Amino acid sequence: MKLETLKALIKQYGNITFLELQERLTGGLYE
């Protein structure tokens, strides 16, 4: 994933931390 995309996601979901976002993305990939 591009850094710009991550920054956009963090702006959009500012209430969750980067680690939580990463965990959700990783979990989604391996579920």
PDB file of N, CA and C in Angstrom:
ATOM      1  N   MET A   1       0.844  -1.199   0.000  1.00  0.00           N
ATOM      2  CA  MET A   1       0.000   0.000   0.000  1.00  0.00           C
ATOM      3  C   MET A   1       0.879   1.247   0.000  1.00  0.00           C
ATOM      4  N   LYS A   2       0.444   2.229  -0.764  1.00  0.00           N
ATOM      5  CA  LYS A   2       1.219   3.461  -0.850  1.00  0.00           C
ATOM      6  C   LYS A   2       1.059   4.303   0.407  1.00  0.00           C
ATOM      7  N   LEU A   3       2.109   5.022   0.740  1.00  0.00           N
ATOM      8  CA  LEU A   3       2.094   5.869   1.926  1.00  0.00           C
ATOM      9  C   LEU A   3       1.001   6.922   1.835  1.00  0.00           C
ATOM     10  N   GLU A   4       0.799   7.466   0.625  1.00  0.00           N
ATOM     11  CA  GLU A   4      -0.256   8.471   0.440  1.00  0.00           C
ATOM     12  C   GLU A   4      -1.624   7.893   0.796  1.00  0.00           C
ATOM     13  N   THR A   5      -1.834   6.639   0.425  1.00  0.00           N
ATOM     14  CA  THR A   5      -3.108   5.982   0.732  1.00  0.00           C
ATOM     15  C   THR A   5      -3.269   5.810   2.231  1.00  0.00           C
ATOM     16  N   LEU A   6      -2.181   5.412   2.881  1.00  0.00           N
ATOM     17  CA  LEU A   6      -2.221   5.274   4.343  1.00  0.00           C
ATOM     18  C   LEU A   6      -2.531   6.598   5.010  1.00  0.00           C
ATOM     19  N   LYS A   7      -1.890   7.652   4.543  1.00  0.00           N
ATOM     20  CA  LYS A   7      -2.140   8.971   5.118  1.00  0.00           C
ATOM     21  C   LYS A   7      -3.596   9.369   4.941  1.00  0.00           C
ATOM     22  N   ALA A   8      -4.157   9.079   3.779  1.00  0.00           N
ATOM     23  CA  ALA A   8      -5.561   9.388   3.520  1.00  0.00           C
ATOM     24  C   ALA A   8      -6.471   8.585   4.449  1.00  0.00           C
ATOM     25  N   LEU A   9      -6.139   7.325   4.648  1.00  0.00           N
ATOM     26  CA  LEU A   9      -6.932   6.487   5.546  1.00  0.00           C
ATOM     27  C   LEU A   9      -6.855   6.989   6.978  1.00  0.00           C
ATOM     28  N   ILE A  10      -5.654   7.376   7.389  1.00  0.00           N
ATOM     29  CA  ILE A  10      -5.480   7.887   8.753  1.00  0.00           C
ATOM     30  C   ILE A  10      -6.278   9.170   8.942  1.00  0.00           C
ATOM     31  N   LYS A  11      -6.306  10.008   7.907  1.00  0.00           N
ATOM     32  CA  LYS A  11      -7.110  11.230   7.993  1.00  0.00           C
ATOM     33  C   LYS A  11      -8.595  10.885   8.082  1.00  0.00           C
ATOM     34  N   GLN A  12      -9.014   9.906   7.275  1.00  0.00           N
ATOM     35  CA  GLN A  12     -10.420   9.530   7.239  1.00  0.00           C
ATOM     36  C   GLN A  12     -10.848   8.846   8.531  1.00  0.00           C
ATOM     37  N   TYR A  13      -9.945   7.987   9.057  1.00  0.00           N
ATOM     38  CA  TYR A  13     -10.255   7.247  10.278  1.00  0.00           C
ATOM     39  C   TYR A  13      -9.319   7.706  11.396  1.00  0.00           C
ATOM     40  N   GLY A  14      -9.336   9.008  11.667  1.00  0.00           N
ATOM     41  CA  GLY A  14      -8.417   9.591  12.629  1.00  0.00           C
ATOM     42  C   GLY A  14      -8.615   9.080  14.051  1.00  0.00           C
ATOM     43  N   ASN A  15      -9.764   8.451  14.305  1.00  0.00           N
ATOM     44  CA  ASN A  15     -10.052   7.984  15.661  1.00  0.00           C
ATOM     45  C   ASN A  15      -9.387   6.653  15.978  1.00  0.00           C
ATOM     46  N   ILE A  16      -8.869   5.955  14.961  1.00  0.00           N
ATOM     47  CA  ILE A  16      -8.150   4.712  15.229  1.00  0.00           C
ATOM     48  C   ILE A  16      -6.665   4.908  14.956  1.00  0.00           C
ATOM     49  N   THR A  17      -5.852   4.194  15.692  1.00  0.00           N
ATOM     50  CA  THR A  17      -4.411   4.344  15.563  1.00  0.00           C
ATOM     51  C   THR A  17      -3.900   3.599  14.337  1.00  0.00           C
ATOM     52  N   PHE A  18      -2.681   3.929  13.928  1.00  0.00           N
ATOM     53  CA  PHE A  18      -2.058   3.268  12.780  1.00  0.00           C
ATOM     54  C   PHE A  18      -1.943   1.768  13.004  1.00  0.00           C
ATOM     55  N   LEU A  19      -1.585   1.377  14.231  1.00  0.00           N
ATOM     56  CA  LEU A  19      -1.441  -0.050  14.525  1.00  0.00           C
ATOM     57  C   LEU A  19      -2.769  -0.780  14.390  1.00  0.00           C
ATOM     58  N   GLU A  20      -3.842  -0.150  14.860  1.00  0.00           N
ATOM     59  CA  GLU A  20      -5.163  -0.766  14.729  1.00  0.00           C
ATOM     60  C   GLU A  20      -5.535  -0.907  13.260  1.00  0.00           C
ATOM     61  N   LEU A  21      -5.252   0.133  12.481  1.00  0.00           N
ATOM     62  CA  LEU A  21      -5.534   0.091  11.050  1.00  0.00           C
ATOM     63  C   LEU A  21      -4.740  -1.019  10.374  1.00  0.00           C
ATOM     64  N   GLN A  22      -3.459  -1.094  10.699  1.00  0.00           N
ATOM     65  CA  GLN A  22      -2.589  -2.123  10.127  1.00  0.00           C
ATOM     66  C   GLN A  22      -3.085  -3.516  10.507  1.00  0.00           C
ATOM     67  N   GLU A  23      -3.507  -3.658  11.764  1.00  0.00           N
ATOM     68  CA  GLU A  23      -3.998  -4.941  12.254  1.00  0.00           C
ATOM     69  C   GLU A  23      -5.252  -5.363  11.487  1.00  0.00           C
ATOM     70  N   ARG A  24      -6.154  -4.405  11.254  1.00  0.00           N
ATOM     71  CA  ARG A  24      -7.384  -4.696  10.515  1.00  0.00           C
ATOM     72  C   ARG A  24      -7.087  -5.068   9.077  1.00  0.00           C
ATOM     73  N   LEU A  25      -6.161  -4.355   8.449  1.00  0.00           N
ATOM     74  CA  LEU A  25      -5.801  -4.645   7.062  1.00  0.00           C
ATOM     75  C   LEU A  25      -5.165  -6.025   6.956  1.00  0.00           C
ATOM     76  N   THR A  26      -4.255  -6.319   7.885  1.00  0.00           N
ATOM     77  CA  THR A  26      -3.576  -7.610   7.880  1.00  0.00           C
ATOM     78  C   THR A  26      -4.571  -8.731   8.170  1.00  0.00           C
ATOM     79  N   GLY A  27      -5.442  -8.494   9.146  1.00  0.00           N
ATOM     80  CA  GLY A  27      -6.452  -9.482   9.492  1.00  0.00           C
ATOM     81  C   GLY A  27      -7.373  -9.758   8.316  1.00  0.00           C
ATOM     82  N   GLY A  28      -7.727  -8.715   7.595  1.00  0.00           N
ATOM     83  CA  GLY A  28      -8.582  -8.864   6.430  1.00  0.00           C
ATOM     84  C   GLY A  28      -7.918  -9.698   5.343  1.00  0.00           C
ATOM     85  N   LEU A  29      -6.609  -9.562   5.213  1.00  0.00           N
ATOM     86  CA  LEU A  29      -5.888 -10.316   4.198  1.00  0.00           C
ATOM     87  C   LEU A  29      -5.822 -11.794   4.533  1.00  0.00           C
ATOM     88  N   TYR A  30      -5.685 -12.113   5.821  1.00  0.00           N
ATOM     89  CA  TYR A  30      -5.460 -13.503   6.211  1.00  0.00           C
ATOM     90  C   TYR A  30      -6.691 -14.207   6.749  1.00  0.00           C
ATOM     91  N   GLU A  31      -7.834 -13.528   6.795  1.00  0.00           N
ATOM     92  CA  GLU A  31      -9.040 -14.182   7.299  1.00  0.00           C
ATOM     93  C   GLU A  31      -9.632 -15.111   6.258  1.00  0.00           C
TER      94      GLU A  31
END
